[in-house]
């Protein structure tokens, strides 16, 4: 595949990802953009199309994930989180829709199991991911039959480096399969949805059974 790797500030990480794609036989280009603005998001799509020569699969994964205790949530927190997590993915998908229709491509959005298993301390984030889920379901209807739109909902994947081993052990204990997820678990689900020709409006939960445990 020819892959456009978006980054905001992590240029070195994006280049490492591009190098890994090239080593696997693909081609890749790193594309910088600050997606807090919808116009920049639309312009990112245009640059990707110009450099890649087309578009078959769009993965919507950028998100704001910041702690937000109830008493500390202000207008800025709402606008920042809902903007990046809902409005920006819509702007990107809308801008990419004509090319995706032409290629009969697909969109895969990264949602979150918090829609099924809410937790404290991240209210704007969790609301935004639930809204993203609904927005993508509606897009699946709007873009059918030309474009398939699906979702992957991760649970505990790549936890913060600040978490202690005791905290990680407690987290693993709540997961029936006994381990945290990693990036390859999510990538496998994304690839499955990108390839499957008869799935749209569907969400695959990749959580090791976490939502079963309550």
N, C-alpha and C. Protein backbone atom coordinates (compact mmCIF):
# COMPACT_ATOMS: atom_id res chain seq x y z
N UNK A 1 0.83 -1.20 0.00
CA UNK A 1 0.00 0.00 0.00
C UNK A 1 0.87 1.25 0.00
N UNK A 2 0.32 2.33 -0.49
CA UNK A 2 0.92 3.65 -0.38
C UNK A 2 0.21 4.34 0.78
N UNK A 3 0.95 4.75 1.79
CA UNK A 3 0.35 5.21 3.04
C UNK A 3 0.76 6.65 3.33
N UNK A 4 -0.22 7.47 3.66
CA UNK A 4 0.04 8.80 4.19
C UNK A 4 -0.03 8.74 5.70
N UNK A 5 1.06 9.06 6.36
CA UNK A 5 1.16 8.97 7.83
C UNK A 5 1.05 10.38 8.40
N UNK A 6 -0.09 10.67 9.02
CA UNK A 6 -0.27 12.01 9.59
C UNK A 6 0.42 12.12 10.94
N UNK A 7 0.96 13.31 11.22
CA UNK A 7 1.48 13.62 12.55
C UNK A 7 1.28 15.10 12.82
N UNK A 8 1.19 15.42 14.10
CA UNK A 8 1.11 16.83 14.50
C UNK A 8 2.49 17.37 14.83
N UNK A 9 3.17 16.73 15.82
CA UNK A 9 4.49 17.20 16.25
C UNK A 9 5.54 16.10 16.26
N UNK A 10 5.11 14.85 16.21
CA UNK A 10 6.05 13.72 16.33
C UNK A 10 6.64 13.35 14.98
N UNK A 11 7.47 14.24 14.43
CA UNK A 11 8.04 14.00 13.11
C UNK A 11 8.90 12.75 13.09
N UNK A 12 9.70 12.55 14.14
CA UNK A 12 10.59 11.39 14.16
C UNK A 12 9.79 10.09 14.21
N UNK A 13 8.72 10.07 15.00
CA UNK A 13 7.86 8.89 15.06
C UNK A 13 7.20 8.60 13.73
N UNK A 14 6.75 9.65 13.04
CA UNK A 14 6.13 9.47 11.74
C UNK A 14 7.14 8.92 10.73
N UNK A 15 8.37 9.42 10.79
CA UNK A 15 9.38 8.93 9.86
C UNK A 15 9.75 7.48 10.16
N UNK A 16 9.76 7.10 11.43
CA UNK A 16 10.02 5.70 11.78
C UNK A 16 8.91 4.81 11.23
N UNK A 17 7.67 5.28 11.34
CA UNK A 17 6.54 4.51 10.79
C UNK A 17 6.67 4.37 9.27
N UNK A 18 7.02 5.47 8.61
CA UNK A 18 7.21 5.42 7.16
C UNK A 18 8.32 4.44 6.79
N UNK A 19 9.41 4.45 7.55
CA UNK A 19 10.52 3.53 7.28
C UNK A 19 10.08 2.08 7.43
N UNK A 20 9.25 1.80 8.43
CA UNK A 20 8.75 0.44 8.63
C UNK A 20 7.86 0.01 7.48
N UNK A 21 7.04 0.93 6.98
CA UNK A 21 6.17 0.62 5.84
C UNK A 21 7.01 0.32 4.60
N UNK A 22 8.04 1.13 4.37
CA UNK A 22 8.91 0.90 3.20
C UNK A 22 9.64 -0.43 3.33
N UNK A 23 10.09 -0.75 4.55
CA UNK A 23 10.80 -2.02 4.77
C UNK A 23 9.90 -3.22 4.51
N UNK A 24 8.59 -3.02 4.69
CA UNK A 24 7.62 -4.10 4.44
C UNK A 24 7.19 -4.17 2.98
N UNK A 25 7.74 -3.29 2.15
CA UNK A 25 7.43 -3.34 0.72
C UNK A 25 6.46 -2.29 0.24
N UNK A 26 5.96 -1.45 1.14
CA UNK A 26 5.04 -0.40 0.73
C UNK A 26 5.75 0.91 0.47
N UNK A 27 4.96 1.94 0.28
CA UNK A 27 5.49 3.29 0.13
C UNK A 27 4.78 4.17 1.14
N UNK A 28 5.46 5.22 1.61
CA UNK A 28 4.86 6.05 2.65
C UNK A 28 5.38 7.48 2.57
N UNK A 29 4.53 8.39 3.00
CA UNK A 29 4.91 9.80 3.09
C UNK A 29 4.35 10.34 4.39
N UNK A 30 5.16 11.12 5.11
CA UNK A 30 4.72 11.75 6.36
C UNK A 30 4.05 13.08 6.04
N UNK A 31 2.91 13.34 6.68
CA UNK A 31 2.12 14.54 6.41
C UNK A 31 1.83 15.25 7.72
N UNK A 32 2.35 16.46 7.89
CA UNK A 32 2.16 17.21 9.13
C UNK A 32 0.90 18.06 9.05
N UNK A 33 0.15 18.09 10.14
CA UNK A 33 -1.01 18.98 10.23
C UNK A 33 -1.47 19.06 11.67
N UNK A 34 -1.89 20.24 12.09
CA UNK A 34 -2.53 20.44 13.38
C UNK A 34 -4.03 20.34 13.16
N UNK A 35 -4.61 19.22 13.59
CA UNK A 35 -6.01 18.94 13.28
C UNK A 35 -6.99 19.60 14.24
N UNK A 36 -6.51 20.51 15.08
CA UNK A 36 -7.45 21.24 15.93
C UNK A 36 -8.28 22.22 15.10
N UNK A 37 -7.86 22.48 13.87
CA UNK A 37 -8.63 23.34 12.97
C UNK A 37 -9.18 22.54 11.81
N UNK A 38 -10.46 22.72 11.50
CA UNK A 38 -11.09 21.94 10.45
C UNK A 38 -10.57 22.27 9.06
N UNK A 39 -10.17 23.54 8.85
CA UNK A 39 -9.63 23.89 7.54
C UNK A 39 -8.30 23.17 7.31
N UNK A 40 -7.48 23.08 8.36
CA UNK A 40 -6.23 22.33 8.24
C UNK A 40 -6.49 20.86 7.98
N UNK A 41 -7.56 20.34 8.55
CA UNK A 41 -7.92 18.94 8.33
C UNK A 41 -8.30 18.70 6.87
N UNK A 42 -9.08 19.62 6.32
CA UNK A 42 -9.47 19.46 4.91
C UNK A 42 -8.25 19.59 3.99
N UNK A 43 -7.36 20.50 4.34
CA UNK A 43 -6.17 20.70 3.52
C UNK A 43 -5.25 19.48 3.59
N UNK A 44 -5.25 18.79 4.75
CA UNK A 44 -4.47 17.55 4.88
C UNK A 44 -4.96 16.51 3.87
N UNK A 45 -6.27 16.40 3.72
CA UNK A 45 -6.83 15.45 2.75
C UNK A 45 -6.35 15.80 1.35
N UNK A 46 -6.38 17.06 1.00
CA UNK A 46 -5.95 17.48 -0.34
C UNK A 46 -4.48 17.17 -0.58
N UNK A 47 -3.63 17.40 0.43
CA UNK A 47 -2.20 17.09 0.27
C UNK A 47 -1.98 15.59 0.15
N UNK A 48 -2.73 14.81 0.93
CA UNK A 48 -2.60 13.36 0.85
C UNK A 48 -2.98 12.87 -0.55
N UNK A 49 -4.07 13.39 -1.08
CA UNK A 49 -4.50 12.99 -2.42
C UNK A 49 -3.45 13.37 -3.47
N UNK A 50 -2.87 14.56 -3.33
CA UNK A 50 -1.87 15.01 -4.30
C UNK A 50 -0.62 14.15 -4.26
N UNK A 51 -0.20 13.75 -3.05
CA UNK A 51 1.05 13.00 -2.92
C UNK A 51 0.88 11.50 -3.11
N UNK A 52 -0.31 10.98 -2.81
CA UNK A 52 -0.53 9.55 -2.94
C UNK A 52 -1.17 9.17 -4.27
N UNK A 53 -1.80 10.14 -4.93
CA UNK A 53 -2.41 9.87 -6.22
C UNK A 53 -3.79 9.25 -6.15
N UNK A 54 -4.36 9.17 -4.95
CA UNK A 54 -5.69 8.59 -4.79
C UNK A 54 -5.92 8.23 -3.35
N UNK A 55 -7.08 7.63 -3.08
CA UNK A 55 -7.41 7.25 -1.70
C UNK A 55 -8.39 6.08 -1.72
N UNK A 56 -8.00 5.01 -1.04
CA UNK A 56 -8.85 3.82 -0.94
C UNK A 56 -9.32 3.55 0.48
N UNK A 57 -8.49 3.88 1.47
CA UNK A 57 -8.81 3.62 2.87
C UNK A 57 -8.46 4.86 3.69
N UNK A 58 -9.39 5.30 4.50
CA UNK A 58 -9.17 6.43 5.41
C UNK A 58 -9.33 5.94 6.83
N UNK A 59 -8.29 6.09 7.65
CA UNK A 59 -8.36 5.69 9.06
C UNK A 59 -8.38 6.96 9.91
N UNK A 60 -9.46 7.13 10.67
CA UNK A 60 -9.64 8.31 11.53
C UNK A 60 -9.25 7.93 12.94
N UNK A 61 -8.04 8.33 13.35
CA UNK A 61 -7.54 7.89 14.65
C UNK A 61 -7.09 9.02 15.58
N UNK A 62 -6.86 10.21 15.06
CA UNK A 62 -6.41 11.30 15.93
C UNK A 62 -7.47 11.63 16.97
N UNK A 63 -7.04 11.88 18.21
CA UNK A 63 -8.01 12.16 19.27
C UNK A 63 -7.35 12.91 20.42
N UNK A 64 -8.16 13.65 21.13
CA UNK A 64 -7.78 14.33 22.36
C UNK A 64 -8.19 13.45 23.52
N UNK A 65 -7.23 13.13 24.41
CA UNK A 65 -7.52 12.27 25.57
C UNK A 65 -6.85 12.90 26.79
N UNK A 66 -7.58 13.81 27.43
CA UNK A 66 -7.02 14.49 28.58
C UNK A 66 -7.93 14.33 29.79
N UNK A 67 -7.35 14.19 30.97
CA UNK A 67 -8.18 14.08 32.18
C UNK A 67 -9.05 15.31 32.35
N UNK A 68 -10.28 15.10 32.82
CA UNK A 68 -11.20 16.21 32.99
C UNK A 68 -12.12 15.93 34.17
N UNK A 69 -11.63 16.16 35.39
CA UNK A 69 -12.50 16.02 36.56
C UNK A 69 -13.73 16.91 36.40
N UNK A 70 -14.87 16.45 36.89
CA UNK A 70 -16.13 17.12 36.63
C UNK A 70 -16.08 18.61 36.95
N UNK A 71 -15.54 18.96 38.10
CA UNK A 71 -15.53 20.36 38.50
C UNK A 71 -14.59 21.22 37.69
N UNK A 72 -13.69 20.61 36.95
CA UNK A 72 -12.70 21.37 36.18
C UNK A 72 -13.07 21.50 34.71
N UNK A 73 -14.18 20.90 34.29
CA UNK A 73 -14.55 20.95 32.87
C UNK A 73 -15.08 22.35 32.53
N UNK A 74 -14.44 23.02 31.60
CA UNK A 74 -14.88 24.35 31.18
C UNK A 74 -15.20 24.33 29.68
N UNK A 75 -15.60 25.48 29.15
CA UNK A 75 -15.97 25.55 27.73
C UNK A 75 -14.81 25.15 26.83
N UNK A 76 -13.60 25.56 27.22
CA UNK A 76 -12.44 25.26 26.39
C UNK A 76 -12.20 23.76 26.29
N UNK A 77 -12.38 23.05 27.39
CA UNK A 77 -12.19 21.59 27.38
C UNK A 77 -13.21 20.93 26.46
N UNK A 78 -14.47 21.36 26.55
CA UNK A 78 -15.50 20.81 25.66
C UNK A 78 -15.16 21.07 24.20
N UNK A 79 -14.84 22.34 23.89
CA UNK A 79 -14.59 22.72 22.50
C UNK A 79 -13.37 21.99 21.95
N UNK A 80 -12.33 21.90 22.75
CA UNK A 80 -11.08 21.26 22.31
C UNK A 80 -11.32 19.77 22.02
N UNK A 81 -11.99 19.10 22.94
CA UNK A 81 -12.17 17.66 22.80
C UNK A 81 -13.21 17.31 21.76
N UNK A 82 -14.37 17.95 21.81
CA UNK A 82 -15.40 17.66 20.80
C UNK A 82 -14.96 18.09 19.41
N UNK A 83 -14.16 19.15 19.35
CA UNK A 83 -13.67 19.60 18.05
C UNK A 83 -12.77 18.57 17.39
N UNK A 84 -11.72 18.15 18.10
CA UNK A 84 -10.77 17.21 17.51
C UNK A 84 -11.36 15.82 17.35
N UNK A 85 -12.20 15.39 18.28
CA UNK A 85 -12.67 14.01 18.27
C UNK A 85 -13.93 13.78 17.43
N UNK A 86 -14.66 14.85 17.12
CA UNK A 86 -15.90 14.68 16.34
C UNK A 86 -15.91 15.57 15.09
N UNK A 87 -15.73 16.86 15.28
CA UNK A 87 -15.84 17.78 14.15
C UNK A 87 -14.72 17.56 13.13
N UNK A 88 -13.51 17.34 13.60
CA UNK A 88 -12.39 17.11 12.67
C UNK A 88 -12.55 15.83 11.87
N UNK A 89 -12.88 14.68 12.50
CA UNK A 89 -13.10 13.47 11.69
C UNK A 89 -14.19 13.66 10.64
N UNK A 90 -15.25 14.41 11.00
CA UNK A 90 -16.29 14.66 10.00
C UNK A 90 -15.74 15.48 8.84
N UNK A 91 -14.96 16.53 9.16
CA UNK A 91 -14.41 17.38 8.09
C UNK A 91 -13.51 16.58 7.17
N UNK A 92 -12.70 15.69 7.74
CA UNK A 92 -11.80 14.86 6.94
C UNK A 92 -12.61 13.91 6.06
N UNK A 93 -13.58 13.24 6.67
CA UNK A 93 -14.39 12.28 5.91
C UNK A 93 -15.17 12.97 4.79
N UNK A 94 -15.72 14.12 5.09
CA UNK A 94 -16.49 14.86 4.07
C UNK A 94 -15.59 15.27 2.91
N UNK A 95 -14.38 15.74 3.22
CA UNK A 95 -13.45 16.16 2.18
C UNK A 95 -12.98 14.98 1.34
N UNK A 96 -12.83 13.83 1.99
CA UNK A 96 -12.33 12.65 1.28
C UNK A 96 -13.42 11.88 0.55
N UNK A 97 -14.68 12.18 0.84
CA UNK A 97 -15.80 11.38 0.33
C UNK A 97 -15.82 11.26 -1.19
N UNK A 98 -15.62 12.32 -1.96
CA UNK A 98 -15.68 12.15 -3.43
C UNK A 98 -14.65 11.15 -3.95
N UNK A 99 -13.41 11.21 -3.44
CA UNK A 99 -12.40 10.28 -3.90
C UNK A 99 -12.70 8.86 -3.43
N UNK A 100 -13.19 8.73 -2.20
CA UNK A 100 -13.54 7.40 -1.70
C UNK A 100 -14.72 6.81 -2.48
N UNK A 101 -15.66 7.64 -2.87
CA UNK A 101 -16.75 7.14 -3.72
C UNK A 101 -16.20 6.63 -5.05
N UNK A 102 -15.27 7.39 -5.61
CA UNK A 102 -14.71 7.01 -6.91
C UNK A 102 -13.96 5.69 -6.83
N UNK A 103 -13.28 5.45 -5.72
CA UNK A 103 -12.49 4.22 -5.56
C UNK A 103 -13.27 3.09 -4.92
N UNK A 104 -14.52 3.40 -4.50
CA UNK A 104 -15.34 2.45 -3.73
C UNK A 104 -14.53 1.95 -2.53
N UNK A 105 -14.01 2.94 -1.81
CA UNK A 105 -13.13 2.67 -0.68
C UNK A 105 -13.86 2.53 0.64
N UNK A 106 -13.12 2.71 1.72
CA UNK A 106 -13.72 2.55 3.04
C UNK A 106 -13.09 3.49 4.06
N UNK A 107 -13.84 3.73 5.12
CA UNK A 107 -13.40 4.53 6.27
C UNK A 107 -13.44 3.63 7.49
N UNK A 108 -12.38 3.70 8.30
CA UNK A 108 -12.38 3.02 9.60
C UNK A 108 -12.07 4.06 10.67
N UNK A 109 -13.00 4.24 11.60
CA UNK A 109 -12.81 5.19 12.68
C UNK A 109 -12.45 4.48 13.98
N UNK A 110 -11.59 5.09 14.77
CA UNK A 110 -11.21 4.53 16.06
C UNK A 110 -12.10 5.15 17.14
N UNK A 111 -13.01 4.34 17.69
CA UNK A 111 -13.91 4.81 18.74
C UNK A 111 -13.31 4.42 20.10
N UNK A 112 -14.11 3.91 21.03
CA UNK A 112 -13.59 3.56 22.35
C UNK A 112 -14.63 2.73 23.09
N UNK A 113 -14.17 1.79 23.90
CA UNK A 113 -15.11 0.98 24.68
C UNK A 113 -15.78 1.77 25.79
N UNK A 114 -15.36 3.02 26.02
CA UNK A 114 -16.01 3.83 27.05
C UNK A 114 -17.48 4.08 26.72
N UNK A 115 -17.86 3.93 25.43
CA UNK A 115 -19.27 4.04 25.08
C UNK A 115 -20.07 2.92 25.73
N UNK A 116 -19.43 1.77 25.93
CA UNK A 116 -20.08 0.60 26.53
C UNK A 116 -19.80 0.48 28.01
N UNK A 117 -18.66 1.00 28.44
CA UNK A 117 -18.22 0.86 29.83
C UNK A 117 -17.63 2.19 30.29
N UNK A 118 -18.49 3.16 30.65
CA UNK A 118 -17.99 4.48 31.01
C UNK A 118 -17.18 4.46 32.30
N UNK A 119 -16.28 5.42 32.41
CA UNK A 119 -15.45 5.53 33.62
C UNK A 119 -15.33 7.01 33.99
N UNK A 120 -14.89 7.26 35.20
CA UNK A 120 -14.83 8.63 35.71
C UNK A 120 -13.58 9.37 35.21
N UNK A 121 -13.71 10.69 35.18
CA UNK A 121 -12.54 11.53 35.00
C UNK A 121 -12.23 11.97 33.57
N UNK A 122 -13.01 11.51 32.59
CA UNK A 122 -12.74 11.86 31.18
C UNK A 122 -14.05 12.15 30.45
N UNK A 123 -14.96 12.88 31.06
CA UNK A 123 -16.31 13.03 30.53
C UNK A 123 -16.34 13.59 29.11
N UNK A 124 -15.66 14.71 28.79
CA UNK A 124 -15.72 15.20 27.41
C UNK A 124 -15.20 14.18 26.40
N UNK A 125 -14.14 13.48 26.75
CA UNK A 125 -13.59 12.46 25.85
C UNK A 125 -14.62 11.36 25.58
N UNK A 126 -15.24 10.86 26.64
CA UNK A 126 -16.18 9.75 26.48
C UNK A 126 -17.41 10.17 25.70
N UNK A 127 -17.91 11.37 25.95
CA UNK A 127 -19.04 11.88 25.17
C UNK A 127 -18.65 12.03 23.70
N UNK A 128 -17.44 12.52 23.45
CA UNK A 128 -17.00 12.72 22.07
C UNK A 128 -16.88 11.40 21.32
N UNK A 129 -16.40 10.35 21.99
CA UNK A 129 -16.26 9.06 21.32
C UNK A 129 -17.62 8.41 21.04
N UNK A 130 -18.58 8.63 21.93
CA UNK A 130 -19.94 8.16 21.66
C UNK A 130 -20.54 8.91 20.48
N UNK A 131 -20.27 10.21 20.40
CA UNK A 131 -20.76 11.00 19.27
C UNK A 131 -20.08 10.57 17.97
N UNK A 132 -18.79 10.27 18.05
CA UNK A 132 -18.07 9.80 16.87
C UNK A 132 -18.68 8.49 16.35
N UNK A 133 -18.99 7.59 17.27
CA UNK A 133 -19.63 6.32 16.90
C UNK A 133 -20.91 6.56 16.13
N UNK A 134 -21.76 7.45 16.63
CA UNK A 134 -23.04 7.72 15.95
C UNK A 134 -22.81 8.43 14.62
N UNK A 135 -21.87 9.37 14.59
CA UNK A 135 -21.59 10.08 13.35
C UNK A 135 -21.14 9.11 12.26
N UNK A 136 -20.28 8.15 12.62
CA UNK A 136 -19.79 7.19 11.64
C UNK A 136 -20.90 6.24 11.17
N UNK A 137 -21.81 5.89 12.06
CA UNK A 137 -22.95 5.06 11.66
C UNK A 137 -23.83 5.79 10.64
N UNK A 138 -24.04 7.07 10.88
CA UNK A 138 -24.83 7.86 9.93
C UNK A 138 -24.08 8.01 8.60
N UNK A 139 -22.76 8.22 8.67
CA UNK A 139 -21.97 8.29 7.44
C UNK A 139 -22.05 7.00 6.64
N UNK A 140 -22.12 5.86 7.36
CA UNK A 140 -22.25 4.58 6.66
C UNK A 140 -23.50 4.56 5.80
N UNK A 141 -24.59 5.17 6.29
CA UNK A 141 -25.81 5.28 5.49
C UNK A 141 -25.67 6.30 4.37
N UNK A 142 -25.10 7.44 4.71
CA UNK A 142 -24.97 8.53 3.73
C UNK A 142 -24.10 8.14 2.54
N UNK A 143 -23.05 7.37 2.79
CA UNK A 143 -22.07 7.06 1.74
C UNK A 143 -22.32 5.73 1.05
N UNK A 144 -23.28 4.92 1.57
CA UNK A 144 -23.60 3.65 0.92
C UNK A 144 -24.28 3.92 -0.42
N UNK A 145 -24.10 3.07 -1.42
CA UNK A 145 -23.34 1.81 -1.38
C UNK A 145 -21.89 1.94 -1.80
N UNK A 146 -21.43 3.17 -2.04
CA UNK A 146 -20.10 3.35 -2.62
C UNK A 146 -18.96 3.19 -1.61
N UNK A 147 -19.19 3.65 -0.38
CA UNK A 147 -18.13 3.67 0.63
C UNK A 147 -18.60 2.94 1.87
N UNK A 148 -17.78 2.04 2.38
CA UNK A 148 -18.09 1.35 3.63
C UNK A 148 -17.47 2.13 4.79
N UNK A 149 -18.20 2.24 5.90
CA UNK A 149 -17.74 2.98 7.08
C UNK A 149 -17.88 2.09 8.30
N UNK A 150 -16.79 1.80 8.98
CA UNK A 150 -16.80 0.92 10.14
C UNK A 150 -15.95 1.51 11.26
N UNK A 151 -15.96 0.84 12.40
CA UNK A 151 -15.29 1.34 13.60
C UNK A 151 -14.54 0.24 14.32
N UNK A 152 -13.46 0.62 15.00
CA UNK A 152 -12.75 -0.26 15.93
C UNK A 152 -12.73 0.43 17.29
N UNK A 153 -13.17 -0.30 18.31
CA UNK A 153 -13.23 0.25 19.68
C UNK A 153 -12.20 -0.43 20.56
N UNK A 154 -11.06 0.20 20.82
CA UNK A 154 -10.06 -0.38 21.71
C UNK A 154 -10.43 -0.17 23.17
N UNK A 155 -9.83 -0.99 24.02
CA UNK A 155 -9.90 -0.75 25.47
C UNK A 155 -8.51 -0.33 25.92
N UNK A 156 -7.86 -1.11 26.76
CA UNK A 156 -6.56 -0.73 27.32
C UNK A 156 -5.43 -1.11 26.37
N UNK A 157 -4.96 -0.11 25.63
CA UNK A 157 -3.87 -0.29 24.68
C UNK A 157 -2.85 0.82 24.92
N UNK A 158 -1.58 0.46 25.02
CA UNK A 158 -0.51 1.43 25.23
C UNK A 158 -0.85 2.39 26.37
N UNK A 159 -0.90 1.90 27.61
CA UNK A 159 -1.23 2.76 28.74
C UNK A 159 -0.16 3.82 28.96
N UNK A 160 -0.49 4.89 29.70
CA UNK A 160 0.48 5.96 29.94
C UNK A 160 1.75 5.43 30.62
N UNK A 161 2.89 5.97 30.25
CA UNK A 161 4.16 5.55 30.84
C UNK A 161 4.21 5.84 32.33
N UNK A 162 3.35 6.75 32.79
CA UNK A 162 3.35 7.12 34.20
C UNK A 162 2.70 6.06 35.10
N UNK A 163 2.00 5.09 34.51
CA UNK A 163 1.33 4.06 35.31
C UNK A 163 2.37 3.15 35.96
N UNK A 164 2.15 2.85 37.24
CA UNK A 164 3.05 1.97 37.96
C UNK A 164 2.75 0.51 37.61
N UNK A 165 3.68 -0.39 37.96
CA UNK A 165 3.47 -1.80 37.68
C UNK A 165 2.26 -2.33 38.44
N UNK A 166 2.06 -1.81 39.66
CA UNK A 166 0.90 -2.23 40.44
C UNK A 166 -0.40 -1.81 39.76
N UNK A 167 -0.41 -0.61 39.20
CA UNK A 167 -1.60 -0.14 38.48
C UNK A 167 -1.84 -0.98 37.22
N UNK A 168 -0.76 -1.32 36.52
CA UNK A 168 -0.90 -2.16 35.33
C UNK A 168 -1.41 -3.55 35.69
N UNK A 169 -0.92 -4.11 36.81
CA UNK A 169 -1.39 -5.42 37.24
C UNK A 169 -2.88 -5.38 37.56
N UNK A 170 -3.32 -4.29 38.21
CA UNK A 170 -4.75 -4.16 38.54
C UNK A 170 -5.59 -4.05 37.27
N UNK A 171 -5.03 -3.36 36.27
CA UNK A 171 -5.73 -3.23 35.00
C UNK A 171 -5.84 -4.59 34.29
N UNK A 172 -4.75 -5.32 34.27
CA UNK A 172 -4.76 -6.65 33.64
C UNK A 172 -5.75 -7.59 34.33
N UNK A 173 -5.87 -7.43 35.64
CA UNK A 173 -6.76 -8.32 36.40
C UNK A 173 -8.22 -8.14 36.01
N UNK A 174 -8.57 -7.00 35.42
CA UNK A 174 -9.94 -6.75 35.00
C UNK A 174 -10.21 -7.18 33.56
N UNK A 175 -9.17 -7.72 32.89
CA UNK A 175 -9.30 -8.13 31.49
C UNK A 175 -9.34 -9.66 31.44
N UNK A 176 -10.43 -10.27 31.01
CA UNK A 176 -10.53 -11.73 31.01
C UNK A 176 -9.38 -12.44 30.30
N UNK A 177 -8.85 -11.89 29.20
CA UNK A 177 -7.74 -12.52 28.51
C UNK A 177 -6.40 -12.28 29.17
N UNK A 178 -6.38 -11.46 30.22
CA UNK A 178 -5.20 -11.35 31.07
C UNK A 178 -4.06 -10.52 30.55
N UNK A 179 -4.27 -9.73 29.51
CA UNK A 179 -3.19 -8.88 29.02
C UNK A 179 -3.75 -7.59 28.43
N UNK A 180 -2.91 -6.57 28.39
CA UNK A 180 -3.27 -5.34 27.72
C UNK A 180 -3.19 -5.55 26.21
N UNK A 181 -3.92 -4.73 25.47
CA UNK A 181 -3.80 -4.78 24.03
C UNK A 181 -2.56 -4.06 23.56
N UNK A 182 -2.18 -4.30 22.31
CA UNK A 182 -1.10 -3.52 21.73
C UNK A 182 -1.52 -3.02 20.35
N UNK A 183 -0.64 -2.25 19.72
CA UNK A 183 -1.01 -1.59 18.47
C UNK A 183 -1.38 -2.61 17.39
N UNK A 184 -0.71 -3.77 17.38
CA UNK A 184 -1.00 -4.76 16.34
C UNK A 184 -2.42 -5.31 16.46
N UNK A 185 -2.94 -5.39 17.69
CA UNK A 185 -4.32 -5.86 17.87
C UNK A 185 -5.30 -4.93 17.17
N UNK A 186 -5.05 -3.63 17.30
CA UNK A 186 -5.94 -2.65 16.67
C UNK A 186 -5.73 -2.65 15.16
N UNK A 187 -4.47 -2.72 14.72
CA UNK A 187 -4.17 -2.71 13.29
C UNK A 187 -4.83 -3.89 12.58
N UNK A 188 -4.80 -5.07 13.21
CA UNK A 188 -5.43 -6.24 12.60
C UNK A 188 -6.92 -6.03 12.38
N UNK A 189 -7.58 -5.42 13.37
CA UNK A 189 -9.02 -5.16 13.23
C UNK A 189 -9.30 -4.13 12.14
N UNK A 190 -8.46 -3.09 12.08
CA UNK A 190 -8.61 -2.07 11.04
C UNK A 190 -8.47 -2.70 9.65
N UNK A 191 -7.46 -3.55 9.48
CA UNK A 191 -7.24 -4.19 8.18
C UNK A 191 -8.41 -5.11 7.81
N UNK A 192 -8.93 -5.81 8.81
CA UNK A 192 -10.07 -6.69 8.53
C UNK A 192 -11.25 -5.88 7.98
N UNK A 193 -11.54 -4.76 8.61
CA UNK A 193 -12.67 -3.94 8.17
C UNK A 193 -12.39 -3.28 6.82
N UNK A 194 -11.14 -2.90 6.59
CA UNK A 194 -10.79 -2.28 5.31
C UNK A 194 -10.95 -3.26 4.16
N UNK A 195 -10.72 -4.55 4.45
CA UNK A 195 -10.78 -5.57 3.40
C UNK A 195 -12.17 -6.17 3.20
N UNK A 196 -13.00 -6.16 4.24
CA UNK A 196 -14.26 -6.89 4.19
C UNK A 196 -15.28 -6.14 3.33
N UNK A 197 -15.77 -6.79 2.30
CA UNK A 197 -16.63 -6.12 1.33
C UNK A 197 -18.11 -6.08 1.71
N UNK A 198 -18.48 -6.74 2.82
CA UNK A 198 -19.90 -6.77 3.16
C UNK A 198 -20.13 -6.38 4.62
N UNK A 199 -19.34 -5.42 5.10
CA UNK A 199 -19.54 -4.89 6.45
C UNK A 199 -19.54 -3.37 6.37
N UNK A 200 -20.58 -2.76 6.91
CA UNK A 200 -20.60 -1.31 7.04
C UNK A 200 -21.46 -0.94 8.24
N UNK A 201 -21.11 0.16 8.90
CA UNK A 201 -21.82 0.58 10.11
C UNK A 201 -21.53 -0.31 11.30
N UNK A 202 -20.45 -1.10 11.24
CA UNK A 202 -20.14 -2.09 12.26
C UNK A 202 -18.98 -1.64 13.13
N UNK A 203 -19.05 -1.96 14.40
CA UNK A 203 -17.95 -1.67 15.34
C UNK A 203 -17.39 -2.98 15.88
N UNK A 204 -16.08 -3.17 15.73
CA UNK A 204 -15.39 -4.31 16.33
C UNK A 204 -14.77 -3.85 17.64
N UNK A 205 -15.14 -4.51 18.73
CA UNK A 205 -14.59 -4.19 20.05
C UNK A 205 -13.35 -5.05 20.28
N UNK A 206 -12.22 -4.39 20.52
CA UNK A 206 -10.94 -5.08 20.74
C UNK A 206 -10.50 -4.77 22.16
N UNK A 207 -10.97 -5.60 23.11
CA UNK A 207 -10.79 -5.24 24.52
C UNK A 207 -10.35 -6.41 25.40
N UNK A 208 -10.03 -7.55 24.81
CA UNK A 208 -9.65 -8.71 25.62
C UNK A 208 -10.75 -9.20 26.53
N UNK A 209 -11.99 -8.80 26.24
CA UNK A 209 -13.12 -9.19 27.08
C UNK A 209 -13.41 -8.21 28.21
N UNK A 210 -12.75 -7.04 28.20
CA UNK A 210 -12.90 -6.10 29.31
C UNK A 210 -14.35 -5.71 29.57
N UNK A 211 -15.13 -5.51 28.51
CA UNK A 211 -16.51 -5.08 28.72
C UNK A 211 -17.39 -6.21 29.25
N UNK A 212 -16.91 -7.45 29.19
CA UNK A 212 -17.65 -8.55 29.81
C UNK A 212 -17.54 -8.51 31.32
N UNK A 213 -16.42 -7.99 31.80
CA UNK A 213 -16.14 -8.03 33.25
C UNK A 213 -16.86 -6.95 34.02
N UNK A 214 -17.33 -5.90 33.33
CA UNK A 214 -18.04 -4.84 34.00
C UNK A 214 -17.15 -3.93 34.81
